PDB file of N, CA and C in Angstrom:
ATOM      1  N   UNK A   1      76.663 101.088 106.285  1.00  0.00           N
ATOM      2  CA  UNK A   1      77.097  99.865 106.916  1.00  0.00           C
ATOM      3  C   UNK A   1      77.272 100.076 108.417  1.00  0.00           C
ATOM      4  N   UNK A   2      77.787 101.246 108.788  1.00  0.00           N
ATOM      5  CA  UNK A   2      77.957 101.531 110.214  1.00  0.00           C
ATOM      6  C   UNK A   2      76.629 101.472 110.953  1.00  0.00           C
ATOM      7  N   UNK A   3      75.589 102.034 110.335  1.00  0.00           N
ATOM      8  CA  UNK A   3      74.279 101.995 110.985  1.00  0.00           C
ATOM      9  C   UNK A   3      73.800 100.566 111.162  1.00  0.00           C
ATOM     10  N   UNK A   4      74.027  99.750 110.163  1.00  0.00           N
ATOM     11  CA  UNK A   4      73.594  98.356 110.241  1.00  0.00           C
ATOM     12  C   UNK A   4      74.366  97.586 111.313  1.00  0.00           C
ATOM     13  N   UNK A   5      75.578  98.007 111.588  1.00  0.00           N
ATOM     14  CA  UNK A   5      76.394  97.329 112.596  1.00  0.00           C
ATOM     15  C   UNK A   5      76.267  97.966 113.973  1.00  0.00           C
ATOM     16  N   UNK A   6      75.383  98.945 114.107  1.00  0.00           N
ATOM     17  CA  UNK A   6      75.235  99.667 115.366  1.00  0.00           C
ATOM     18  C   UNK A   6      74.999  98.777 116.563  1.00  0.00           C
ATOM     19  N   UNK A   7      74.292  97.685 116.381  1.00  0.00           N
ATOM     20  CA  UNK A   7      74.014  96.778 117.504  1.00  0.00           C
ATOM     21  C   UNK A   7      75.098  95.712 117.651  1.00  0.00           C
ATOM     22  N   UNK A   8      76.158  95.822 116.871  1.00  0.00           N
ATOM     23  CA  UNK A   8      77.327  94.934 116.975  1.00  0.00           C
ATOM     24  C   UNK A   8      78.564  95.803 117.191  1.00  0.00           C
ATOM     25  N   UNK A   9      78.770  96.299 118.405  1.00  0.00           N
ATOM     26  CA  UNK A   9      79.851  97.262 118.632  1.00  0.00           C
ATOM     27  C   UNK A   9      81.236  96.744 118.246  1.00  0.00           C
ATOM     28  N   UNK A  10      81.481  95.450 118.402  1.00  0.00           N
ATOM     29  CA  UNK A  10      82.796  94.924 118.031  1.00  0.00           C
ATOM     30  C   UNK A  10      83.032  95.016 116.528  1.00  0.00           C
ATOM     31  N   UNK A  11      82.031  94.669 115.737  1.00  0.00           N
ATOM     32  CA  UNK A  11      82.173  94.762 114.287  1.00  0.00           C
ATOM     33  C   UNK A  11      82.194  96.217 113.824  1.00  0.00           C
ATOM     34  N   UNK A  12      81.413  97.071 114.458  1.00  0.00           N
ATOM     35  CA  UNK A  12      81.414  98.495 114.114  1.00  0.00           C
ATOM     36  C   UNK A  12      82.784  99.101 114.392  1.00  0.00           C
ATOM     37  N   UNK A  13      83.397  98.723 115.488  1.00  0.00           N
ATOM     38  CA  UNK A  13      84.732  99.210 115.832  1.00  0.00           C
ATOM     39  C   UNK A  13      85.748  98.736 114.788  1.00  0.00           C
ATOM     40  N   UNK A  14      85.656  97.462 114.381  1.00  0.00           N
ATOM     41  CA  UNK A  14      86.553  96.940 113.348  1.00  0.00           C
ATOM     42  C   UNK A  14      86.362  97.678 112.028  1.00  0.00           C
ATOM     43  N   UNK A  15      85.125  97.942 111.678  1.00  0.00           N
ATOM     44  CA  UNK A  15      84.843  98.668 110.447  1.00  0.00           C
ATOM     45  C   UNK A  15      85.402 100.085 110.511  1.00  0.00           C
ATOM     46  N   UNK A  16      85.265 100.741 111.652  1.00  0.00           N
ATOM     47  CA  UNK A  16      85.818 102.090 111.813  1.00  0.00           C
ATOM     48  C   UNK A  16      87.332 102.098 111.634  1.00  0.00           C
ATOM     49  N   UNK A  17      88.007 101.067 112.151  1.00  0.00           N
ATOM     50  CA  UNK A  17      89.457 100.968 111.970  1.00  0.00           C
ATOM     51  C   UNK A  17      89.810 100.841 110.493  1.00  0.00           C
ATOM     52  N   UNK A  18      89.058 100.017 109.776  1.00  0.00           N
ATOM     53  CA  UNK A  18      89.312  99.828 108.345  1.00  0.00           C
ATOM     54  C   UNK A  18      89.089 101.129 107.585  1.00  0.00           C
ATOM     55  N   UNK A  19      88.008 101.831 107.896  1.00  0.00           N
ATOM     56  CA  UNK A  19      87.715 103.106 107.227  1.00  0.00           C
ATOM     57  C   UNK A  19      88.833 104.102 107.497  1.00  0.00           C
ATOM     58  N   UNK A  20      89.314 104.159 108.727  1.00  0.00           N
ATOM     59  CA  UNK A  20      90.413 105.062 109.055  1.00  0.00           C
ATOM     60  C   UNK A  20      91.666 104.725 108.242  1.00  0.00           C
ATOM     61  N   UNK A  21      91.964 103.432 108.119  1.00  0.00           N
ATOM     62  CA  UNK A  21      93.123 103.015 107.330  1.00  0.00           C
ATOM     63  C   UNK A  21      92.939 103.360 105.857  1.00  0.00           C
ATOM     64  N   UNK A  22      91.733 103.196 105.364  1.00  0.00           N
ATOM     65  CA  UNK A  22      91.450 103.494 103.964  1.00  0.00           C
ATOM     66  C   UNK A  22      91.625 104.982 103.679  1.00  0.00           C
ATOM     67  N   UNK A  23      91.251 105.811 104.622  1.00  0.00           N
ATOM     68  CA  UNK A  23      91.419 107.261 104.453  1.00  0.00           C
ATOM     69  C   UNK A  23      92.891 107.654 104.391  1.00  0.00           C
ATOM     70  N   UNK A  24      93.747 106.870 105.005  1.00  0.00           N
ATOM     71  CA  UNK A  24      95.175 107.168 105.031  1.00  0.00           C
ATOM     72  C   UNK A  24      95.899 106.721 103.757  1.00  0.00           C
ATOM     73  N   UNK A  25      95.219 105.979 102.905  1.00  0.00           N
ATOM     74  CA  UNK A  25      95.861 105.443 101.710  1.00  0.00           C
ATOM     75  C   UNK A  25      96.213 106.574 100.747  1.00  0.00           C
ATOM     76  N   UNK A  26      97.438 106.576 100.322  1.00  0.00           N
ATOM     77  CA  UNK A  26      97.912 107.526  99.332  1.00  0.00           C
ATOM     78  C   UNK A  26      97.416 107.066  97.961  1.00  0.00           C
ATOM     79  N   UNK A  27      96.778 107.933  97.178  1.00  0.00           N
ATOM     80  CA  UNK A  27      96.278 107.522  95.858  1.00  0.00           C
ATOM     81  C   UNK A  27      97.377 106.974  94.947  1.00  0.00           C
ATOM     82  N   UNK A  28      98.612 107.367  95.178  1.00  0.00           N
ATOM     83  CA  UNK A  28      99.722 106.861  94.374  1.00  0.00           C
ATOM     84  C   UNK A  28     100.196 105.485  94.835  1.00  0.00           C
ATOM     85  N   UNK A  29      99.618 104.991  95.911  1.00  0.00           N
ATOM     86  CA  UNK A  29     100.033 103.708  96.470  1.00  0.00           C
ATOM     87  C   UNK A  29      99.762 102.546  95.527  1.00  0.00           C
ATOM     88  N   UNK A  30      98.849 102.732  94.611  1.00  0.00           N
ATOM     89  CA  UNK A  30      98.479 101.633  93.731  1.00  0.00           C
ATOM     90  C   UNK A  30      99.585 101.288  92.738  1.00  0.00           C
ATOM     91  N   UNK A  31     100.603 102.124  92.654  1.00  0.00           N
ATOM     92  CA  UNK A  31     101.747 101.858  91.784  1.00  0.00           C
ATOM     93  C   UNK A  31     102.928 101.273  92.547  1.00  0.00           C
ATOM     94  N   UNK A  32     102.815 101.197  93.856  1.00  0.00           N
ATOM     95  CA  UNK A  32     103.915 100.755  94.708  1.00  0.00           C
ATOM     96  C   UNK A  32     103.568  99.407  95.341  1.00  0.00           C
ATOM     97  N   UNK A  33     104.300  98.337  94.982  1.00  0.00           N
ATOM     98  CA  UNK A  33     103.979  97.007  95.525  1.00  0.00           C
ATOM     99  C   UNK A  33     103.999  96.940  97.050  1.00  0.00           C
ATOM    100  N   UNK A  34     104.910  97.665  97.691  1.00  0.00           N
ATOM    101  CA  UNK A  34     104.957  97.611  99.152  1.00  0.00           C
ATOM    102  C   UNK A  34     103.713  98.279  99.751  1.00  0.00           C
ATOM    103  N   UNK A  35     103.245  99.360  99.111  1.00  0.00           N
ATOM    104  CA  UNK A  35     102.027 100.018  99.580  1.00  0.00           C
ATOM    105  C   UNK A  35     100.801  99.147  99.328  1.00  0.00           C
ATOM    106  N   UNK A  36     100.814  98.409  98.238  1.00  0.00           N
ATOM    107  CA  UNK A  36      99.707  97.498  97.946  1.00  0.00           C
ATOM    108  C   UNK A  36      99.640  96.388  98.999  1.00  0.00           C
ATOM    109  N   UNK A  37     100.800  95.907  99.411  1.00  0.00           N
ATOM    110  CA  UNK A  37     100.835  94.886 100.464  1.00  0.00           C
ATOM    111  C   UNK A  37     100.284  95.454 101.762  1.00  0.00           C
ATOM    112  N   UNK A  38     100.650  96.691 102.065  1.00  0.00           N
ATOM    113  CA  UNK A  38     100.133  97.349 103.262  1.00  0.00           C
ATOM    114  C   UNK A  38      98.619  97.524 103.167  1.00  0.00           C
ATOM    115  N   UNK A  39      98.138  97.926 101.994  1.00  0.00           N
ATOM    116  CA  UNK A  39      96.706  98.081 101.773  1.00  0.00           C
ATOM    117  C   UNK A  39      95.988  96.748 101.998  1.00  0.00           C
ATOM    118  N   UNK A  40      96.559  95.688 101.493  1.00  0.00           N
ATOM    119  CA  UNK A  40      95.958  94.369 101.675  1.00  0.00           C
ATOM    120  C   UNK A  40      95.874  94.008 103.157  1.00  0.00           C
ATOM    121  N   UNK A  41      96.964  94.242 103.877  1.00  0.00           N
ATOM    122  CA  UNK A  41      97.003  93.870 105.289  1.00  0.00           C
ATOM    123  C   UNK A  41      96.155  94.770 106.174  1.00  0.00           C
ATOM    124  N   UNK A  42      96.088  96.047 105.859  1.00  0.00           N
ATOM    125  CA  UNK A  42      95.413  97.014 106.723  1.00  0.00           C
ATOM    126  C   UNK A  42      93.954  97.272 106.358  1.00  0.00           C
ATOM    127  N   UNK A  43      93.558  96.973 105.121  1.00  0.00           N
ATOM    128  CA  UNK A  43      92.196  97.284 104.688  1.00  0.00           C
ATOM    129  C   UNK A  43      91.471  96.040 104.177  1.00  0.00           C
ATOM    130  N   UNK A  44      92.025  95.401 103.177  1.00  0.00           N
ATOM    131  CA  UNK A  44      91.319  94.298 102.523  1.00  0.00           C
ATOM    132  C   UNK A  44      91.120  93.112 103.457  1.00  0.00           C
ATOM    133  N   UNK A  45      92.177  92.700 104.125  1.00  0.00           N
ATOM    134  CA  UNK A  45      92.061  91.532 105.004  1.00  0.00           C
ATOM    135  C   UNK A  45      91.114  91.783 106.186  1.00  0.00           C
ATOM    136  N   UNK A  46      91.186  92.959 106.857  1.00  0.00           N
ATOM    137  CA  UNK A  46      90.207  93.209 107.922  1.00  0.00           C
ATOM    138  C   UNK A  46      88.761  93.248 107.409  1.00  0.00           C
ATOM    139  N   UNK A  47      88.552  93.789 106.205  1.00  0.00           N
ATOM    140  CA  UNK A  47      87.199  93.775 105.640  1.00  0.00           C
ATOM    141  C   UNK A  47      86.739  92.341 105.372  1.00  0.00           C
ATOM    142  N   UNK A  48      87.647  91.532 104.911  1.00  0.00           N
ATOM    143  CA  UNK A  48      87.324  90.119 104.669  1.00  0.00           C
ATOM    144  C   UNK A  48      86.931  89.432 105.981  1.00  0.00           C
ATOM    145  N   UNK A  49      87.641  89.753 107.054  1.00  0.00           N
ATOM    146  CA  UNK A  49      87.322  89.153 108.348  1.00  0.00           C
ATOM    147  C   UNK A  49      85.941  89.601 108.841  1.00  0.00           C
ATOM    148  N   UNK A  50      85.600  90.872 108.602  1.00  0.00           N
ATOM    149  CA  UNK A  50      84.269  91.368 108.963  1.00  0.00           C
ATOM    150  C   UNK A  50      83.213  90.614 108.161  1.00  0.00           C
ATOM    151  N   UNK A  51      83.467  90.445 106.875  1.00  0.00           N
ATOM    152  CA  UNK A  51      82.531  89.714 106.016  1.00  0.00           C
ATOM    153  C   UNK A  51      82.337  88.278 106.507  1.00  0.00           C
ATOM    154  N   UNK A  52      83.415  87.625 106.859  1.00  0.00           N
ATOM    155  CA  UNK A  52      83.332  86.245 107.352  1.00  0.00           C
ATOM    156  C   UNK A  52      82.534  86.191 108.649  1.00  0.00           C
ATOM    157  N   UNK A  53      82.793  87.131 109.548  1.00  0.00           N
ATOM    158  CA  UNK A  53      82.063  87.145 110.824  1.00  0.00           C
ATOM    159  C   UNK A  53      80.578  87.415 110.610  1.00  0.00           C
ATOM    160  N   UNK A  54      80.245  88.341 109.707  1.00  0.00           N
ATOM    161  CA  UNK A  54      78.830  88.602 109.413  1.00  0.00           C
ATOM    162  C   UNK A  54      78.164  87.365 108.821  1.00  0.00           C
ATOM    163  N   UNK A  55      78.842  86.684 107.928  1.00  0.00           N
ATOM    164  CA  UNK A  55      78.288  85.463 107.333  1.00  0.00           C
ATOM    165  C   UNK A  55      78.097  84.382 108.399  1.00  0.00           C
ATOM    166  N   UNK A  56      79.064  84.278 109.292  1.00  0.00           N
ATOM    167  CA  UNK A  56      78.985  83.284 110.370  1.00  0.00           C
ATOM    168  C   UNK A  56      77.781  83.577 111.281  1.00  0.00           C
ATOM    169  N   UNK A  57      77.602  84.868 111.607  1.00  0.00           N
ATOM    170  CA  UNK A  57      76.470  85.245 112.467  1.00  0.00           C
ATOM    171  C   UNK A  57      75.135  85.019 111.757  1.00  0.00           C
ATOM    172  N   UNK A  58      75.100  85.302 110.461  1.00  0.00           N
ATOM    173  CA  UNK A  58      73.877  85.060 109.700  1.00  0.00           C
ATOM    174  C   UNK A  58      73.550  83.578 109.674  1.00  0.00           C
ATOM    175  N   UNK A  59      74.550  82.750 109.440  1.00  0.00           N
ATOM    176  CA  UNK A  59      74.342  81.303 109.430  1.00  0.00           C
ATOM    177  C   UNK A  59      73.791  80.837 110.786  1.00  0.00           C
ATOM    178  N   UNK A  60      74.330  81.391 111.867  1.00  0.00           N
ATOM    179  CA  UNK A  60      73.862  81.013 113.201  1.00  0.00           C
ATOM    180  C   UNK A  60      72.408  81.431 113.400  1.00  0.00           C
ATOM    181  N   UNK A  61      72.058  82.633 112.938  1.00  0.00           N
ATOM    182  CA  UNK A  61      70.670  83.099 113.087  1.00  0.00           C
ATOM    183  C   UNK A  61      69.712  82.262 112.260  1.00  0.00           C
ATOM    184  N   UNK A  62      70.166  81.825 111.114  1.00  0.00           N
ATOM    185  CA  UNK A  62      69.320  81.011 110.248  1.00  0.00           C
ATOM    186  C   UNK A  62      69.263  79.562 110.715  1.00  0.00           C
ATOM    187  N   UNK A  63      70.104  79.251 111.682  1.00  0.00           N
ATOM    188  CA  UNK A  63      70.119  77.892 112.200  1.00  0.00           C
ATOM    189  C   UNK A  63      70.778  76.918 111.250  1.00  0.00           C
ATOM    190  N   UNK A  64      71.605  77.438 110.369  1.00  0.00           N
ATOM    191  CA  UNK A  64      72.276  76.594 109.386  1.00  0.00           C
ATOM    192  C   UNK A  64      73.684  76.303 109.863  1.00  0.00           C
ATOM    193  N   UNK A  65      73.803  75.461 110.863  1.00  0.00           N
ATOM    194  CA  UNK A  65      75.110  75.124 111.405  1.00  0.00           C
ATOM    195  C   UNK A  65      75.573  73.760 110.938  1.00  0.00           C
ATOM    196  N   UNK A  66      74.930  73.237 109.926  1.00  0.00           N
ATOM    197  CA  UNK A  66      75.285  71.922 109.391  1.00  0.00           C
ATOM    198  C   UNK A  66      76.469  71.997 108.461  1.00  0.00           C
ATOM    199  N   UNK A  67      76.519  71.092 107.524  1.00  0.00           N
ATOM    200  CA  UNK A  67      77.681  70.994 106.641  1.00  0.00           C
ATOM    201  C   UNK A  67      77.838  72.207 105.736  1.00  0.00           C
ATOM    202  N   UNK A  68      76.770  72.949 105.478  1.00  0.00           N
ATOM    203  CA  UNK A  68      76.869  74.113 104.608  1.00  0.00           C
ATOM    204  C   UNK A  68      77.284  75.375 105.333  1.00  0.00           C
ATOM    205  N   UNK A  69      77.355  75.339 106.645  1.00  0.00           N
ATOM    206  CA  UNK A  69      77.709  76.531 107.415  1.00  0.00           C
ATOM    207  C   UNK A  69      79.195  76.810 107.306  1.00  0.00           C
ATOM    208  N   UNK A  70      79.562  78.061 107.522  1.00  0.00           N
ATOM    209  CA  UNK A  70      80.973  78.425 107.511  1.00  0.00           C
ATOM    210  C   UNK A  70      81.660  77.811 108.709  1.00  0.00           C
ATOM    211  N   UNK A  71      82.885  77.415 108.511  1.00  0.00           N
ATOM    212  CA  UNK A  71      83.674  76.888 109.612  1.00  0.00           C
ATOM    213  C   UNK A  71      84.860  77.807 109.835  1.00  0.00           C
ATOM    214  N   UNK A  72      85.693  77.481 110.810  1.00  0.00           N
ATOM    215  CA  UNK A  72      86.846  78.323 111.109  1.00  0.00           C
ATOM    216  C   UNK A  72      87.816  78.401 109.941  1.00  0.00           C
ATOM    217  N   UNK A  73      87.777  77.450 109.035  1.00  0.00           N
ATOM    218  CA  UNK A  73      88.727  77.425 107.938  1.00  0.00           C
ATOM    219  C   UNK A  73      88.263  78.167 106.704  1.00  0.00           C
ATOM    220  N   UNK A  74      87.095  78.780 106.698  1.00  0.00           N
ATOM    221  CA  UNK A  74      86.539  79.499 105.562  1.00  0.00           C
ATOM    222  C   UNK A  74      86.256  78.591 104.385  1.00  0.00           C
ATOM    223  N   UNK A  75      87.258  77.883 103.906  1.00  0.00           N
ATOM    224  CA  UNK A  75      87.111  76.997 102.764  1.00  0.00           C
ATOM    225  C   UNK A  75      87.948  75.745 103.035  1.00  0.00           C
ATOM    226  N   UNK A  76      87.550  74.639 102.436  1.00  0.00           N
ATOM    227  CA  UNK A  76      88.375  73.431 102.608  1.00  0.00           C
ATOM    228  C   UNK A  76      89.790  73.694 102.100  1.00  0.00           C
ATOM    229  N   UNK A  77      90.764  73.066 102.744  1.00  0.00           N
ATOM    230  CA  UNK A  77      92.164  73.286 102.396  1.00  0.00           C
ATOM    231  C   UNK A  77      92.439  73.102 100.912  1.00  0.00           C
ATOM    232  N   UNK A  78      91.811  72.109 100.311  1.00  0.00           N
ATOM    233  CA  UNK A  78      92.108  71.827  98.908  1.00  0.00           C
ATOM    234  C   UNK A  78      91.639  72.945  97.973  1.00  0.00           C
ATOM    235  N   UNK A  79      90.734  73.808  98.439  1.00  0.00           N
ATOM    236  CA  UNK A  79      90.239  74.905  97.614  1.00  0.00           C
ATOM    237  C   UNK A  79      90.847  76.257  97.972  1.00  0.00           C
ATOM    238  N   UNK A  80      91.424  76.361  99.142  1.00  0.00           N
ATOM    239  CA  UNK A  80      91.909  77.647  99.633  1.00  0.00           C
ATOM    240  C   UNK A  80      92.878  78.319  98.664  1.00  0.00           C
ATOM    241  N   UNK A  81      93.873  77.581  98.162  1.00  0.00           N
ATOM    242  CA  UNK A  81      94.847  78.174  97.245  1.00  0.00           C
ATOM    243  C   UNK A  81      94.192  78.600  95.944  1.00  0.00           C
ATOM    244  N   UNK A  82      93.247  77.821  95.465  1.00  0.00           N
ATOM    245  CA  UNK A  82      92.535  78.185  94.237  1.00  0.00           C
ATOM    246  C   UNK A  82      91.728  79.465  94.425  1.00  0.00           C
ATOM    247  N   UNK A  83      91.089  79.596  95.567  1.00  0.00           N
ATOM    248  CA  UNK A  83      90.298  80.790  95.859  1.00  0.00           C
ATOM    249  C   UNK A  83      91.208  82.009  95.977  1.00  0.00           C
ATOM    250  N   UNK A  84      92.328  81.852  96.677  1.00  0.00           N
ATOM    251  CA  UNK A  84      93.268  82.964  96.817  1.00  0.00           C
ATOM    252  C   UNK A  84      93.802  83.396  95.456  1.00  0.00           C
ATOM    253  N   UNK A  85      94.124  82.426  94.605  1.00  0.00           N
ATOM    254  CA  UNK A  85      94.622  82.746  93.268  1.00  0.00           C
ATOM    255  C   UNK A  85      93.543  83.455  92.449  1.00  0.00           C
ATOM    256  N   UNK A  86      92.307  83.022  92.568  1.00  0.00           N
ATOM    257  CA  UNK A  86      91.200  83.659  91.862  1.00  0.00           C
ATOM    258  C   UNK A  86      91.100  85.137  92.240  1.00  0.00           C
ATOM    259  N   UNK A  87      91.111  85.431  93.529  1.00  0.00           N
ATOM    260  CA  UNK A  87      91.010  86.818  93.972  1.00  0.00           C
ATOM    261  C   UNK A  87      92.263  87.615  93.610  1.00  0.00           C
ATOM    262  N   UNK A  88      93.415  86.981  93.638  1.00  0.00           N
ATOM    263  CA  UNK A  88      94.653  87.653  93.249  1.00  0.00           C
ATOM    264  C   UNK A  88      94.577  88.073  91.778  1.00  0.00           C
ATOM    265  N   UNK A  89      94.084  87.174  90.941  1.00  0.00           N
ATOM    266  CA  UNK A  89      93.949  87.505  89.516  1.00  0.00           C
ATOM    267  C   UNK A  89      92.901  88.590  89.295  1.00  0.00           C
ATOM    268  N   UNK A  90      91.807  88.536  90.037  1.00  0.00           N
ATOM    269  CA  UNK A  90      90.795  89.586  89.911  1.00  0.00           C
ATOM    270  C   UNK A  90      91.362  90.945  90.277  1.00  0.00           C
ATOM    271  N   UNK A  91      92.116  90.995  91.350  1.00  0.00           N
ATOM    272  CA  UNK A  91      92.652  92.275  91.802  1.00  0.00           C
ATOM    273  C   UNK A  91      93.756  92.783  90.882  1.00  0.00           C
ATOM    274  N   UNK A  92      94.382  91.901  90.111  1.00  0.00           N
ATOM    275  CA  UNK A  92      95.462  92.305  89.215  1.00  0.00           C
ATOM    276  C   UNK A  92      94.958  92.803  87.871  1.00  0.00           C
ATOM    277  N   UNK A  93      93.673  92.598  87.572  1.00  0.00           N
ATOM    278  CA  UNK A  93      93.130  93.041  86.295  1.00  0.00           C
ATOM    279  C   UNK A  93      93.180  94.544  86.203  1.00  0.00           C
ATOM    280  N   UNK A  94      93.544  95.032  85.045  1.00  0.00           N
ATOM    281  CA  UNK A  94      93.582  96.482  84.845  1.00  0.00           C
ATOM    282  C   UNK A  94      92.171  97.005  84.654  1.00  0.00           C
ATOM    283  N   UNK A  95      91.938  98.284  84.971  1.00  0.00           N
ATOM    284  CA  UNK A  95      90.596  98.861  84.805  1.00  0.00           C
ATOM    285  C   UNK A  95      90.094  98.748  83.364  1.00  0.00           C
ATOM    286  N   UNK A  96      91.002  98.800  82.383  1.00  0.00           N
ATOM    287  CA  UNK A  96      90.604  98.700  80.987  1.00  0.00           C
ATOM    288  C   UNK A  96      90.074  97.310  80.650  1.00  0.00           C
ATOM    289  N   UNK A  97      90.565  96.295  81.359  1.00  0.00           N
ATOM    290  CA  UNK A  97      90.182  94.922  81.053  1.00  0.00           C
ATOM    291  C   UNK A  97      88.823  94.555  81.625  1.00  0.00           C
ATOM    292  N   UNK A  98      88.336  95.359  82.558  1.00  0.00           N
ATOM    293  CA  UNK A  98      87.053  95.042  83.186  1.00  0.00           C
ATOM    294  C   UNK A  98      85.912  95.365  82.250  1.00  0.00           C
ATOM    295  N   UNK A  99      84.847  94.540  82.257  1.00  0.00           N
ATOM    296  CA  UNK A  99      83.716  94.772  81.363  1.00  0.00           C
ATOM    297  C   UNK A  99      82.939  96.029  81.708  1.00  0.00           C
TER     298      UNK A  99
END
């Protein structure tokens, strides 16, 4: 991924920060709710922002800036809570429950 972002120094720098934070994660953190919150804030959310920015740039390159393009709000307000709940439930699934 770093190589692919080589011509986007701002995104490469953001990705490097996320990787550094991920390396600092204690493997036992997954049992500690406060550590999980830190993981979400320091790793998951920045990765999500990188993903959104890459999607936004792709949409711009494709010239798809119409109604289907990403906007600053990511998702319409009426769907945002549903999407957040969906991802929250996915992340809460135990490894045994996954197919």
